[in-house]
Amino acid sequence: MIPILLGVLIGVLSSGSGLGGGFLVVPFLLHLGKEARVAVGTSFLFVLMVAVSSLLGHWRVGNVDWKTGVFLALGGVLGAQAGPFILEHVSEQNFKRFFAVLLIGTGVWLLYQSRS
């Protein structure tokens, strides 16, 4: 039951912020004892399902720039193929450190951007 409730919360936050949800799903899965590789891979299943649903919702209200989105997606698909191979060569401890720094850096950047 807790994963469903957390999924609803993260789905709302993801579709409203554009952040995808993986930044919240991965720490939750790590807390449940999943290995980093499994947490990351599993989070993408969540992100895929939420992204498709969010895309439909935003499309209905006219909030989609299809041209920009397709170009970003093409680059993202290419880059995403390297991620699993890189993750195979990163220790669990280093992954957690990198992920924490990434989240903190993103938070600081968003805070800075909100001031201007």
PDB file of N, CA and C in Angstrom:
ATOM      1  N   MET A   1       0.817  -1.201   0.000  1.00  0.00           N
ATOM      2  CA  MET A   1       0.000   0.000   0.000  1.00  0.00           C
ATOM      3  C   MET A   1       0.860   1.264   0.000  1.00  0.00           C
ATOM      4  N   ILE A   2       1.961   1.272   0.748  1.00  0.00           N
ATOM      5  CA  ILE A   2       2.830   2.446   0.812  1.00  0.00           C
ATOM      6  C   ILE A   2       3.411   2.777  -0.567  1.00  0.00           C
ATOM      7  N   PRO A   3       3.888   1.782  -1.354  1.00  0.00           N
ATOM      8  CA  PRO A   3       4.383   2.138  -2.685  1.00  0.00           C
ATOM      9  C   PRO A   3       3.315   2.800  -3.563  1.00  0.00           C
ATOM     10  N   ILE A   4       2.058   2.386  -3.450  1.00  0.00           N
ATOM     11  CA  ILE A   4       0.992   3.001  -4.248  1.00  0.00           C
ATOM     12  C   ILE A   4       0.772   4.449  -3.818  1.00  0.00           C
ATOM     13  N   LEU A   5       0.704   4.685  -2.516  1.00  0.00           N
ATOM     14  CA  LEU A   5       0.513   6.054  -2.022  1.00  0.00           C
ATOM     15  C   LEU A   5       1.692   6.943  -2.393  1.00  0.00           C
ATOM     16  N   LEU A   6       2.901   6.407  -2.259  1.00  0.00           N
ATOM     17  CA  LEU A   6       4.080   7.168  -2.652  1.00  0.00           C
ATOM     18  C   LEU A   6       4.059   7.426  -4.155  1.00  0.00           C
ATOM     19  N   GLY A   7       3.612   6.447  -4.929  1.00  0.00           N
ATOM     20  CA  GLY A   7       3.501   6.628  -6.383  1.00  0.00           C
ATOM     21  C   GLY A   7       2.546   7.750  -6.738  1.00  0.00           C
ATOM     22  N   VAL A   8       1.419   7.831  -6.038  1.00  0.00           N
ATOM     23  CA  VAL A   8       0.462   8.917  -6.286  1.00  0.00           C
ATOM     24  C   VAL A   8       1.112  10.265  -5.982  1.00  0.00           C
ATOM     25  N   LEU A   9       1.761  10.375  -4.836  1.00  0.00           N
ATOM     26  CA  LEU A   9       2.417  11.620  -4.457  1.00  0.00           C
ATOM     27  C   LEU A   9       3.490  12.011  -5.469  1.00  0.00           C
ATOM     28  N   ILE A  10       4.339  11.065  -5.827  1.00  0.00           N
ATOM     29  CA  ILE A  10       5.410  11.360  -6.771  1.00  0.00           C
ATOM     30  C   ILE A  10       4.831  11.664  -8.153  1.00  0.00           C
ATOM     31  N   GLY A  11       3.756  10.991  -8.537  1.00  0.00           N
ATOM     32  CA  GLY A  11       3.108  11.283  -9.814  1.00  0.00           C
ATOM     33  C   GLY A  11       2.609  12.715  -9.881  1.00  0.00           C
ATOM     34  N   VAL A  12       1.997  13.189  -8.810  1.00  0.00           N
ATOM     35  CA  VAL A  12       1.521  14.577  -8.759  1.00  0.00           C
ATOM     36  C   VAL A  12       2.701  15.541  -8.849  1.00  0.00           C
ATOM     37  N   LEU A  13       3.734  15.285  -8.050  1.00  0.00           N
ATOM     38  CA  LEU A  13       4.911  16.160  -8.064  1.00  0.00           C
ATOM     39  C   LEU A  13       5.606  16.143  -9.425  1.00  0.00           C
ATOM     40  N   SER A  14       5.688  14.966 -10.039  1.00  0.00           N
ATOM     41  CA  SER A  14       6.363  14.834 -11.327  1.00  0.00           C
ATOM     42  C   SER A  14       5.619  15.559 -12.440  1.00  0.00           C
ATOM     43  N   SER A  15       4.314  15.315 -12.531  1.00  0.00           N
ATOM     44  CA  SER A  15       3.551  15.922 -13.614  1.00  0.00           C
ATOM     45  C   SER A  15       3.427  17.423 -13.441  1.00  0.00           C
ATOM     46  N   GLY A  16       3.541  17.907 -12.222  1.00  0.00           N
ATOM     47  CA  GLY A  16       3.455  19.335 -11.977  1.00  0.00           C
ATOM     48  C   GLY A  16       4.774  20.064 -12.069  1.00  0.00           C
ATOM     49  N   SER A  17       5.875  19.339 -11.963  1.00  0.00           N
ATOM     50  CA  SER A  17       7.184  19.996 -11.950  1.00  0.00           C
ATOM     51  C   SER A  17       8.047  19.648 -13.157  1.00  0.00           C
ATOM     52  N   GLY A  18       7.757  18.556 -13.817  1.00  0.00           N
ATOM     53  CA  GLY A  18       8.579  18.132 -14.951  1.00  0.00           C
ATOM     54  C   GLY A  18       9.858  17.437 -14.537  1.00  0.00           C
ATOM     55  N   LEU A  19       9.997  17.107 -13.275  1.00  0.00           N
ATOM     56  CA  LEU A  19      11.244  16.502 -12.802  1.00  0.00           C
ATOM     57  C   LEU A  19      11.311  14.990 -13.021  1.00  0.00           C
ATOM     58  N   GLY A  20      10.254  14.372 -13.433  1.00  0.00           N
ATOM     59  CA  GLY A  20      10.300  12.960 -13.781  1.00  0.00           C
ATOM     60  C   GLY A  20      10.010  11.984 -12.659  1.00  0.00           C
ATOM     61  N   GLY A  21      10.357  12.298 -11.461  1.00  0.00           N
ATOM     62  CA  GLY A  21      10.042  11.423 -10.344  1.00  0.00           C
ATOM     63  C   GLY A  21      11.148  10.480  -9.935  1.00  0.00           C
ATOM     64  N   GLY A  22      12.080  10.191 -10.831  1.00  0.00           N
ATOM     65  CA  GLY A  22      13.163   9.283 -10.499  1.00  0.00           C
ATOM     66  C   GLY A  22      14.004   9.769  -9.330  1.00  0.00           C
ATOM     67  N   PHE A  23      14.074  11.083  -9.179  1.00  0.00           N
ATOM     68  CA  PHE A  23      14.857  11.647  -8.079  1.00  0.00           C
ATOM     69  C   PHE A  23      14.252  11.318  -6.724  1.00  0.00           C
ATOM     70  N   LEU A  24      12.972  10.966  -6.700  1.00  0.00           N
ATOM     71  CA  LEU A  24      12.330  10.540  -5.456  1.00  0.00           C
ATOM     72  C   LEU A  24      12.192   9.022  -5.372  1.00  0.00           C
ATOM     73  N   VAL A  25      11.980   8.378  -6.506  1.00  0.00           N
ATOM     74  CA  VAL A  25      11.796   6.925  -6.527  1.00  0.00           C
ATOM     75  C   VAL A  25      13.091   6.210  -6.173  1.00  0.00           C
ATOM     76  N   VAL A  26      14.202   6.669  -6.722  1.00  0.00           N
ATOM     77  CA  VAL A  26      15.486   5.990  -6.477  1.00  0.00           C
ATOM     78  C   VAL A  26      15.831   5.963  -4.990  1.00  0.00           C
ATOM     79  N   PRO A  27      15.785   7.087  -4.267  1.00  0.00           N
ATOM     80  CA  PRO A  27      16.076   7.008  -2.829  1.00  0.00           C
ATOM     81  C   PRO A  27      15.109   6.096  -2.077  1.00  0.00           C
ATOM     82  N   PHE A  28      13.830   6.095  -2.466  1.00  0.00           N
ATOM     83  CA  PHE A  28      12.859   5.212  -1.821  1.00  0.00           C
ATOM     84  C   PHE A  28      13.240   3.751  -2.040  1.00  0.00           C
ATOM     85  N   LEU A  29      13.598   3.401  -3.264  1.00  0.00           N
ATOM     86  CA  LEU A  29      13.976   2.017  -3.557  1.00  0.00           C
ATOM     87  C   LEU A  29      15.282   1.634  -2.861  1.00  0.00           C
ATOM     88  N   LEU A  30      16.217   2.572  -2.766  1.00  0.00           N
ATOM     89  CA  LEU A  30      17.454   2.308  -2.027  1.00  0.00           C
ATOM     90  C   LEU A  30      17.133   2.070  -0.550  1.00  0.00           C
ATOM     91  N   HIS A  31      16.206   2.846  -0.024  1.00  0.00           N
ATOM     92  CA  HIS A  31      15.785   2.675   1.373  1.00  0.00           C
ATOM     93  C   HIS A  31      15.163   1.286   1.591  1.00  0.00           C
ATOM     94  N   LEU A  32      14.483   0.783   0.571  1.00  0.00           N
ATOM     95  CA  LEU A  32      13.885  -0.552   0.663  1.00  0.00           C
ATOM     96  C   LEU A  32      14.923  -1.672   0.515  1.00  0.00           C
ATOM     97  N   GLY A  33      16.191  -1.296   0.264  1.00  0.00           N
ATOM     98  CA  GLY A  33      17.251  -2.279   0.174  1.00  0.00           C
ATOM     99  C   GLY A  33      17.590  -2.734  -1.237  1.00  0.00           C
ATOM    100  N   LYS A  34      17.025  -2.079  -2.236  1.00  0.00           N
ATOM    101  CA  LYS A  34      17.348  -2.444  -3.623  1.00  0.00           C
ATOM    102  C   LYS A  34      18.758  -1.978  -3.950  1.00  0.00           C
ATOM    103  N   GLU A  35      19.457  -2.733  -4.799  1.00  0.00           N
ATOM    104  CA  GLU A  35      20.761  -2.297  -5.286  1.00  0.00           C
ATOM    105  C   GLU A  35      20.567  -1.078  -6.172  1.00  0.00           C
ATOM    106  N   ALA A  36      21.601  -0.244  -6.280  1.00  0.00           N
ATOM    107  CA  ALA A  36      21.509   0.987  -7.074  1.00  0.00           C
ATOM    108  C   ALA A  36      21.075   0.689  -8.508  1.00  0.00           C
ATOM    109  N   ARG A  37      21.661  -0.339  -9.116  1.00  0.00           N
ATOM    110  CA  ARG A  37      21.317  -0.660 -10.521  1.00  0.00           C
ATOM    111  C   ARG A  37      19.843  -1.013 -10.647  1.00  0.00           C
ATOM    112  N   VAL A  38      19.326  -1.774  -9.692  1.00  0.00           N
ATOM    113  CA  VAL A  38      17.920  -2.181  -9.726  1.00  0.00           C
ATOM    114  C   VAL A  38      17.019  -0.981  -9.429  1.00  0.00           C
ATOM    115  N   ALA A  39      17.430  -0.137  -8.480  1.00  0.00           N
ATOM    116  CA  ALA A  39      16.639   1.058  -8.151  1.00  0.00           C
ATOM    117  C   ALA A  39      16.527   1.976  -9.358  1.00  0.00           C
ATOM    118  N   VAL A  40      17.627   2.193 -10.043  1.00  0.00           N
ATOM    119  CA  VAL A  40      17.619   3.068 -11.217  1.00  0.00           C
ATOM    120  C   VAL A  40      16.760   2.466 -12.330  1.00  0.00           C
ATOM    121  N   GLY A  41      16.978   1.200 -12.628  1.00  0.00           N
ATOM    122  CA  GLY A  41      16.200   0.552 -13.681  1.00  0.00           C
ATOM    123  C   GLY A  41      14.718   0.522 -13.377  1.00  0.00           C
ATOM    124  N   THR A  42      14.366   0.222 -12.139  1.00  0.00           N
ATOM    125  CA  THR A  42      12.962   0.171 -11.736  1.00  0.00           C
ATOM    126  C   THR A  42      12.331   1.561 -11.788  1.00  0.00           C
ATOM    127  N   SER A  43      13.103   2.578 -11.426  1.00  0.00           N
ATOM    128  CA  SER A  43      12.564   3.936 -11.457  1.00  0.00           C
ATOM    129  C   SER A  43      12.188   4.338 -12.879  1.00  0.00           C
ATOM    130  N   PHE A  44      12.892   3.805 -13.867  1.00  0.00           N
ATOM    131  CA  PHE A  44      12.561   4.158 -15.247  1.00  0.00           C
ATOM    132  C   PHE A  44      11.228   3.573 -15.690  1.00  0.00           C
ATOM    133  N   LEU A  45      10.860   2.430 -15.150  1.00  0.00           N
ATOM    134  CA  LEU A  45       9.524   1.905 -15.436  1.00  0.00           C
ATOM    135  C   LEU A  45       8.478   2.872 -14.887  1.00  0.00           C
ATOM    136  N   PHE A  46       8.683   3.332 -13.664  1.00  0.00           N
ATOM    137  CA  PHE A  46       7.791   4.315 -13.055  1.00  0.00           C
ATOM    138  C   PHE A  46       7.759   5.591 -13.893  1.00  0.00           C
ATOM    139  N   VAL A  47       8.941   6.095 -14.245  1.00  0.00           N
ATOM    140  CA  VAL A  47       9.033   7.351 -14.999  1.00  0.00           C
ATOM    141  C   VAL A  47       8.340   7.220 -16.353  1.00  0.00           C
ATOM    142  N   LEU A  48       8.517   6.092 -17.019  1.00  0.00           N
ATOM    143  CA  LEU A  48       7.869   5.880 -18.319  1.00  0.00           C
ATOM    144  C   LEU A  48       6.355   5.988 -18.196  1.00  0.00           C
ATOM    145  N   MET A  49       5.802   5.277 -17.235  1.00  0.00           N
ATOM    146  CA  MET A  49       4.350   5.265 -17.075  1.00  0.00           C
ATOM    147  C   MET A  49       3.821   6.649 -16.691  1.00  0.00           C
ATOM    148  N   VAL A  50       4.497   7.317 -15.792  1.00  0.00           N
ATOM    149  CA  VAL A  50       4.067   8.643 -15.365  1.00  0.00           C
ATOM    150  C   VAL A  50       4.272   9.655 -16.492  1.00  0.00           C
ATOM    151  N   ALA A  51       5.374   9.525 -17.239  1.00  0.00           N
ATOM    152  CA  ALA A  51       5.649  10.463 -18.326  1.00  0.00           C
ATOM    153  C   ALA A  51       4.582  10.383 -19.409  1.00  0.00           C
ATOM    154  N   VAL A  52       4.191   9.178 -19.788  1.00  0.00           N
ATOM    155  CA  VAL A  52       3.159   9.027 -20.809  1.00  0.00           C
ATOM    156  C   VAL A  52       1.852   9.652 -20.327  1.00  0.00           C
ATOM    157  N   SER A  53       1.486   9.366 -19.096  1.00  0.00           N
ATOM    158  CA  SER A  53       0.259   9.922 -18.535  1.00  0.00           C
ATOM    159  C   SER A  53       0.339  11.451 -18.441  1.00  0.00           C
ATOM    160  N   SER A  54       1.479  11.960 -17.992  1.00  0.00           N
ATOM    161  CA  SER A  54       1.661  13.414 -17.877  1.00  0.00           C
ATOM    162  C   SER A  54       1.638  14.081 -19.243  1.00  0.00           C
ATOM    163  N   LEU A  55       2.268  13.449 -20.223  1.00  0.00           N
ATOM    164  CA  LEU A  55       2.266  13.995 -21.584  1.00  0.00           C
ATOM    165  C   LEU A  55       0.835  14.159 -22.087  1.00  0.00           C
ATOM    166  N   LEU A  56       0.010  13.150 -21.892  1.00  0.00           N
ATOM    167  CA  LEU A  56      -1.384  13.232 -22.329  1.00  0.00           C
ATOM    168  C   LEU A  56      -2.119  14.373 -21.618  1.00  0.00           C
ATOM    169  N   GLY A  57      -1.901  14.496 -20.323  1.00  0.00           N
ATOM    170  CA  GLY A  57      -2.549  15.569 -19.572  1.00  0.00           C
ATOM    171  C   GLY A  57      -2.108  16.943 -20.035  1.00  0.00           C
ATOM    172  N   HIS A  58      -0.805  17.127 -20.240  1.00  0.00           N
ATOM    173  CA  HIS A  58      -0.295  18.426 -20.692  1.00  0.00           C
ATOM    174  C   HIS A  58      -0.693  18.707 -22.136  1.00  0.00           C
ATOM    175  N   TRP A  59      -0.763  17.671 -22.968  1.00  0.00           N
ATOM    176  CA  TRP A  59      -1.196  17.838 -24.353  1.00  0.00           C
ATOM    177  C   TRP A  59      -2.642  18.331 -24.406  1.00  0.00           C
ATOM    178  N   ARG A  60      -3.481  17.768 -23.545  1.00  0.00           N
ATOM    179  CA  ARG A  60      -4.896  18.169 -23.523  1.00  0.00           C
ATOM    180  C   ARG A  60      -5.078  19.654 -23.223  1.00  0.00           C
ATOM    181  N   VAL A  61      -4.182  20.226 -22.438  1.00  0.00           N
ATOM    182  CA  VAL A  61      -4.317  21.652 -22.112  1.00  0.00           C
ATOM    183  C   VAL A  61      -3.376  22.534 -22.931  1.00  0.00           C
ATOM    184  N   GLY A  62      -2.702  21.936 -23.931  1.00  0.00           N
ATOM    185  CA  GLY A  62      -1.876  22.717 -24.862  1.00  0.00           C
ATOM    186  C   GLY A  62      -0.508  23.109 -24.353  1.00  0.00           C
ATOM    187  N   ASN A  63       0.053  22.337 -23.444  1.00  0.00           N
ATOM    188  CA  ASN A  63       1.355  22.675 -22.855  1.00  0.00           C
ATOM    189  C   ASN A  63       2.505  21.838 -23.391  1.00  0.00           C
ATOM    190  N   VAL A  64       2.495  21.482 -24.680  1.00  0.00           N
ATOM    191  CA  VAL A  64       3.562  20.651 -25.220  1.00  0.00           C
ATOM    192  C   VAL A  64       4.168  21.323 -26.454  1.00  0.00           C
ATOM    193  N   ASP A  65       5.465  21.543 -26.431  1.00  0.00           N
ATOM    194  CA  ASP A  65       6.227  22.007 -27.595  1.00  0.00           C
ATOM    195  C   ASP A  65       6.812  20.752 -28.235  1.00  0.00           C
ATOM    196  N   TRP A  66       6.094  20.191 -29.210  1.00  0.00           N
ATOM    197  CA  TRP A  66       6.447  18.896 -29.797  1.00  0.00           C
ATOM    198  C   TRP A  66       7.821  18.904 -30.458  1.00  0.00           C
ATOM    199  N   LYS A  67       8.159  19.958 -31.193  1.00  0.00           N
ATOM    200  CA  LYS A  67       9.442  20.002 -31.905  1.00  0.00           C
ATOM    201  C   LYS A  67      10.612  19.949 -30.919  1.00  0.00           C
ATOM    202  N   THR A  68      10.583  20.814 -29.932  1.00  0.00           N
ATOM    203  CA  THR A  68      11.663  20.827 -28.936  1.00  0.00           C
ATOM    204  C   THR A  68      11.705  19.511 -28.173  1.00  0.00           C
ATOM    205  N   GLY A  69      10.533  19.006 -27.799  1.00  0.00           N
ATOM    206  CA  GLY A  69      10.472  17.751 -27.055  1.00  0.00           C
ATOM    207  C   GLY A  69      11.053  16.583 -27.824  1.00  0.00           C
ATOM    208  N   VAL A  70      10.763  16.507 -29.122  1.00  0.00           N
ATOM    209  CA  VAL A  70      11.290  15.403 -29.941  1.00  0.00           C
ATOM    210  C   VAL A  70      12.802  15.503 -30.065  1.00  0.00           C
ATOM    211  N   PHE A  71      13.325  16.713 -30.280  1.00  0.00           N
ATOM    212  CA  PHE A  71      14.781  16.850 -30.374  1.00  0.00           C
ATOM    213  C   PHE A  71      15.470  16.502 -29.052  1.00  0.00           C
ATOM    214  N   LEU A  72      14.912  16.957 -27.947  1.00  0.00           N
ATOM    215  CA  LEU A  72      15.481  16.586 -26.649  1.00  0.00           C
ATOM    216  C   LEU A  72      15.410  15.075 -26.443  1.00  0.00           C
ATOM    217  N   ALA A  73      14.292  14.484 -26.826  1.00  0.00           N
ATOM    218  CA  ALA A  73      14.117  13.037 -26.651  1.00  0.00           C
ATOM    219  C   ALA A  73      15.122  12.252 -27.489  1.00  0.00           C
ATOM    220  N   LEU A  74      15.381  12.696 -28.707  1.00  0.00           N
ATOM    221  CA  LEU A  74      16.366  11.996 -29.549  1.00  0.00           C
ATOM    222  C   LEU A  74      17.732  11.971 -28.872  1.00  0.00           C
ATOM    223  N   GLY A  75      18.161  13.117 -28.377  1.00  0.00           N
ATOM    224  CA  GLY A  75      19.430  13.166 -27.659  1.00  0.00           C
ATOM    225  C   GLY A  75      19.389  12.338 -26.386  1.00  0.00           C
ATOM    226  N   GLY A  76      18.260  12.403 -25.689  1.00  0.00           N
ATOM    227  CA  GLY A  76      18.120  11.631 -24.457  1.00  0.00           C
ATOM    228  C   GLY A  76      18.162  10.136 -24.687  1.00  0.00           C
ATOM    229  N   VAL A  77      17.538   9.676 -25.769  1.00  0.00           N
ATOM    230  CA  VAL A  77      17.546   8.238 -26.092  1.00  0.00           C
ATOM    231  C   VAL A  77      18.968   7.776 -26.376  1.00  0.00           C
ATOM    232  N   LEU A  78      19.707   8.584 -27.113  1.00  0.00           N
ATOM    233  CA  LEU A  78      21.103   8.217 -27.402  1.00  0.00           C
ATOM    234  C   LEU A  78      21.933   8.188 -26.116  1.00  0.00           C
ATOM    235  N   GLY A  79      21.807   9.228 -25.307  1.00  0.00           N
ATOM    236  CA  GLY A  79      22.567   9.298 -24.063  1.00  0.00           C
ATOM    237  C   GLY A  79      22.174   8.223 -23.067  1.00  0.00           C
ATOM    238  N   ALA A  80      20.899   7.866 -23.071  1.00  0.00           N
ATOM    239  CA  ALA A  80      20.409   6.868 -22.116  1.00  0.00           C
ATOM    240  C   ALA A  80      21.010   5.492 -22.338  1.00  0.00           C
ATOM    241  N   GLN A  81      21.508   5.234 -23.509  1.00  0.00           N
ATOM    242  CA  GLN A  81      22.120   3.930 -23.764  1.00  0.00           C
ATOM    243  C   GLN A  81      23.456   3.778 -23.044  1.00  0.00           C
ATOM    244  N   ALA A  82      24.111   4.894 -22.763  1.00  0.00           N
ATOM    245  CA  ALA A  82      25.407   4.843 -22.069  1.00  0.00           C
ATOM    246  C   ALA A  82      25.242   4.685 -20.558  1.00  0.00           C
ATOM    247  N   GLY A  83      24.147   5.177 -20.011  1.00  0.00           N
ATOM    248  CA  GLY A  83      23.947   5.174 -18.566  1.00  0.00           C
ATOM    249  C   GLY A  83      24.081   3.819 -17.899  1.00  0.00           C
ATOM    250  N   PRO A  84      23.379   2.781 -18.378  1.00  0.00           N
ATOM    251  CA  PRO A  84      23.503   1.478 -17.725  1.00  0.00           C
ATOM    252  C   PRO A  84      24.920   0.907 -17.750  1.00  0.00           C
ATOM    253  N   PHE A  85      25.648   1.165 -18.824  1.00  0.00           N
ATOM    254  CA  PHE A  85      27.029   0.673 -18.910  1.00  0.00           C
ATOM    255  C   PHE A  85      27.924   1.400 -17.916  1.00  0.00           C
ATOM    256  N   ILE A  86      27.721   2.688 -17.772  1.00  0.00           N
ATOM    257  CA  ILE A  86      28.493   3.459 -16.798  1.00  0.00           C
ATOM    258  C   ILE A  86      28.168   2.990 -15.385  1.00  0.00           C
ATOM    259  N   LEU A  87      26.880   2.798 -15.111  1.00  0.00           N
ATOM    260  CA  LEU A  87      26.450   2.386 -13.775  1.00  0.00           C
ATOM    261  C   LEU A  87      27.027   1.036 -13.374  1.00  0.00           C
ATOM    262  N   GLU A  88      27.261   0.168 -14.334  1.00  0.00           N
ATOM    263  CA  GLU A  88      27.854  -1.144 -14.042  1.00  0.00           C
ATOM    264  C   GLU A  88      29.264  -1.023 -13.463  1.00  0.00           C
ATOM    265  N   HIS A  89      29.920   0.106 -13.715  1.00  0.00           N
ATOM    266  CA  HIS A  89      31.308   0.281 -13.280  1.00  0.00           C
ATOM    267  C   HIS A  89      31.448   1.256 -12.113  1.00  0.00           C
ATOM    268  N   VAL A  90      30.330   1.605 -11.491  1.00  0.00           N
ATOM    269  CA  VAL A  90      30.341   2.531 -10.360  1.00  0.00           C
ATOM    270  C   VAL A  90      29.903   1.761  -9.115  1.00  0.00           C
ATOM    271  N   SER A  91      30.643   1.922  -8.037  1.00  0.00           N
ATOM    272  CA  SER A  91      30.273   1.227  -6.800  1.00  0.00           C
ATOM    273  C   SER A  91      28.981   1.807  -6.235  1.00  0.00           C
ATOM    274  N   GLU A  92      28.332   1.014  -5.413  1.00  0.00           N
ATOM    275  CA  GLU A  92      27.085   1.439  -4.765  1.00  0.00           C
ATOM    276  C   GLU A  92      27.320   2.714  -3.957  1.00  0.00           C
ATOM    277  N   GLN A  93      28.404   2.748  -3.222  1.00  0.00           N
ATOM    278  CA  GLN A  93      28.731   3.905  -2.383  1.00  0.00           C
ATOM    279  C   GLN A  93      28.964   5.154  -3.233  1.00  0.00           C
ATOM    280  N   ASN A  94      29.729   5.018  -4.329  1.00  0.00           N
ATOM    281  CA  ASN A  94      29.979   6.173  -5.187  1.00  0.00           C
ATOM    282  C   ASN A  94      28.709   6.642  -5.893  1.00  0.00           C
ATOM    283  N   PHE A  95      27.830   5.701  -6.250  1.00  0.00           N
ATOM    284  CA  PHE A  95      26.562   6.092  -6.860  1.00  0.00           C
ATOM    285  C   PHE A  95      25.759   6.954  -5.897  1.00  0.00           C
ATOM    286  N   LYS A  96      25.649   6.511  -4.649  1.00  0.00           N
ATOM    287  CA  LYS A  96      24.873   7.260  -3.667  1.00  0.00           C
ATOM    288  C   LYS A  96      25.465   8.653  -3.455  1.00  0.00           C
ATOM    289  N   ARG A  97      26.776   8.745  -3.411  1.00  0.00           N
ATOM    290  CA  ARG A  97      27.432  10.054  -3.252  1.00  0.00           C
ATOM    291  C   ARG A  97      27.143  10.953  -4.449  1.00  0.00           C
ATOM    292  N   PHE A  98      27.320  10.407  -5.655  1.00  0.00           N
ATOM    293  CA  PHE A  98      27.077  11.188  -6.865  1.00  0.00           C
ATOM    294  C   PHE A  98      25.620  11.641  -6.926  1.00  0.00           C
ATOM    295  N   PHE A  99      24.701  10.738  -6.622  1.00  0.00           N
ATOM    296  CA  PHE A  99      23.275  11.054  -6.677  1.00  0.00           C
ATOM    297  C   PHE A  99      22.939  12.151  -5.668  1.00  0.00           C
ATOM    298  N   ALA A 100      23.503  12.080  -4.476  1.00  0.00           N
ATOM    299  CA  ALA A 100      23.266  13.102  -3.447  1.00  0.00           C
ATOM    300  C   ALA A 100      23.782  14.462  -3.913  1.00  0.00           C
ATOM    301  N   VAL A 101      24.980  14.487  -4.486  1.00  0.00           N
ATOM    302  CA  VAL A 101      25.548  15.751  -4.975  1.00  0.00           C
ATOM    303  C   VAL A 101      24.691  16.302  -6.117  1.00  0.00           C
ATOM    304  N   LEU A 102      24.224  15.424  -7.000  1.00  0.00           N
ATOM    305  CA  LEU A 102      23.369  15.845  -8.104  1.00  0.00           C
ATOM    306  C   LEU A 102      22.078  16.472  -7.587  1.00  0.00           C
ATOM    307  N   LEU A 103      21.449  15.841  -6.594  1.00  0.00           N
ATOM    308  CA  LEU A 103      20.211  16.381  -6.040  1.00  0.00           C
ATOM    309  C   LEU A 103      20.441  17.717  -5.344  1.00  0.00           C
ATOM    310  N   ILE A 104      21.510  17.808  -4.572  1.00  0.00           N
ATOM    311  CA  ILE A 104      21.826  19.067  -3.884  1.00  0.00           C
ATOM    312  C   ILE A 104      22.130  20.157  -4.909  1.00  0.00           C
ATOM    313  N   GLY A 105      22.932  19.820  -5.910  1.00  0.00           N
ATOM    314  CA  GLY A 105      23.263  20.793  -6.955  1.00  0.00           C
ATOM    315  C   GLY A 105      22.032  21.272  -7.700  1.00  0.00           C
ATOM    316  N   THR A 106      21.139  20.359  -8.005  1.00  0.00           N
ATOM    317  CA  THR A 106      19.905  20.732  -8.689  1.00  0.00           C
ATOM    318  C   THR A 106      19.061  21.646  -7.808  1.00  0.00           C
ATOM    319  N   GLY A 107      18.975  21.318  -6.533  1.00  0.00           N
ATOM    320  CA  GLY A 107      18.221  22.154  -5.599  1.00  0.00           C
ATOM    321  C   GLY A 107      18.797  23.558  -5.497  1.00  0.00           C
ATOM    322  N   VAL A 108      20.115  23.663  -5.402  1.00  0.00           N
ATOM    323  CA  VAL A 108      20.767  24.970  -5.313  1.00  0.00           C
ATOM    324  C   VAL A 108      20.524  25.763  -6.601  1.00  0.00           C
ATOM    325  N   TRP A 109      20.656  25.095  -7.735  1.00  0.00           N
ATOM    326  CA  TRP A 109      20.431  25.762  -9.021  1.00  0.00           C
ATOM    327  C   TRP A 109      18.994  26.279  -9.125  1.00  0.00           C
ATOM    328  N   LEU A 110      18.007  25.435  -8.749  1.00  0.00           N
ATOM    329  CA  LEU A 110      16.610  25.864  -8.800  1.00  0.00           C
ATOM    330  C   LEU A 110      16.352  27.042  -7.852  1.00  0.00           C
ATOM    331  N   LEU A 111      16.943  26.982  -6.676  1.00  0.00           N
ATOM    332  CA  LEU A 111      16.796  28.076  -5.720  1.00  0.00           C
ATOM    333  C   LEU A 111      17.376  29.368  -6.303  1.00  0.00           C
ATOM    334  N   TYR A 112      18.544  29.275  -6.897  1.00  0.00           N
ATOM    335  CA  TYR A 112      19.186  30.453  -7.513  1.00  0.00           C
ATOM    336  C   TYR A 112      18.322  30.991  -8.644  1.00  0.00           C
ATOM    337  N   GLN A 113      17.800  30.103  -9.500  1.00  0.00           N
ATOM    338  CA  GLN A 113      16.974  30.504 -10.639  1.00  0.00           C
ATOM    339  C   GLN A 113      15.671  31.167 -10.186  1.00  0.00           C
ATOM    340  N   SER A 114      15.150  30.767  -9.063  1.00  0.00           N
ATOM    341  CA  SER A 114      13.878  31.324  -8.592  1.00  0.00           C
ATOM    342  C   SER A 114      14.032  32.765  -8.107  1.00  0.00           C
ATOM    343  N   ARG A 115      15.257  33.192  -7.881  1.00  0.00           N
ATOM    344  CA  ARG A 115      15.504  34.554  -7.391  1.00  0.00           C
ATOM    345  C   ARG A 115      15.500  35.562  -8.511  1.00  0.00           C
ATOM    346  N   SER A 116      15.718  35.120  -9.746  1.00  0.00           N
ATOM    347  CA  SER A 116      15.807  36.088 -10.851  1.00  0.00           C
ATOM    348  C   SER A 116      14.499  36.279 -11.565  1.00  0.00           C
TER     349      SER A 116
END
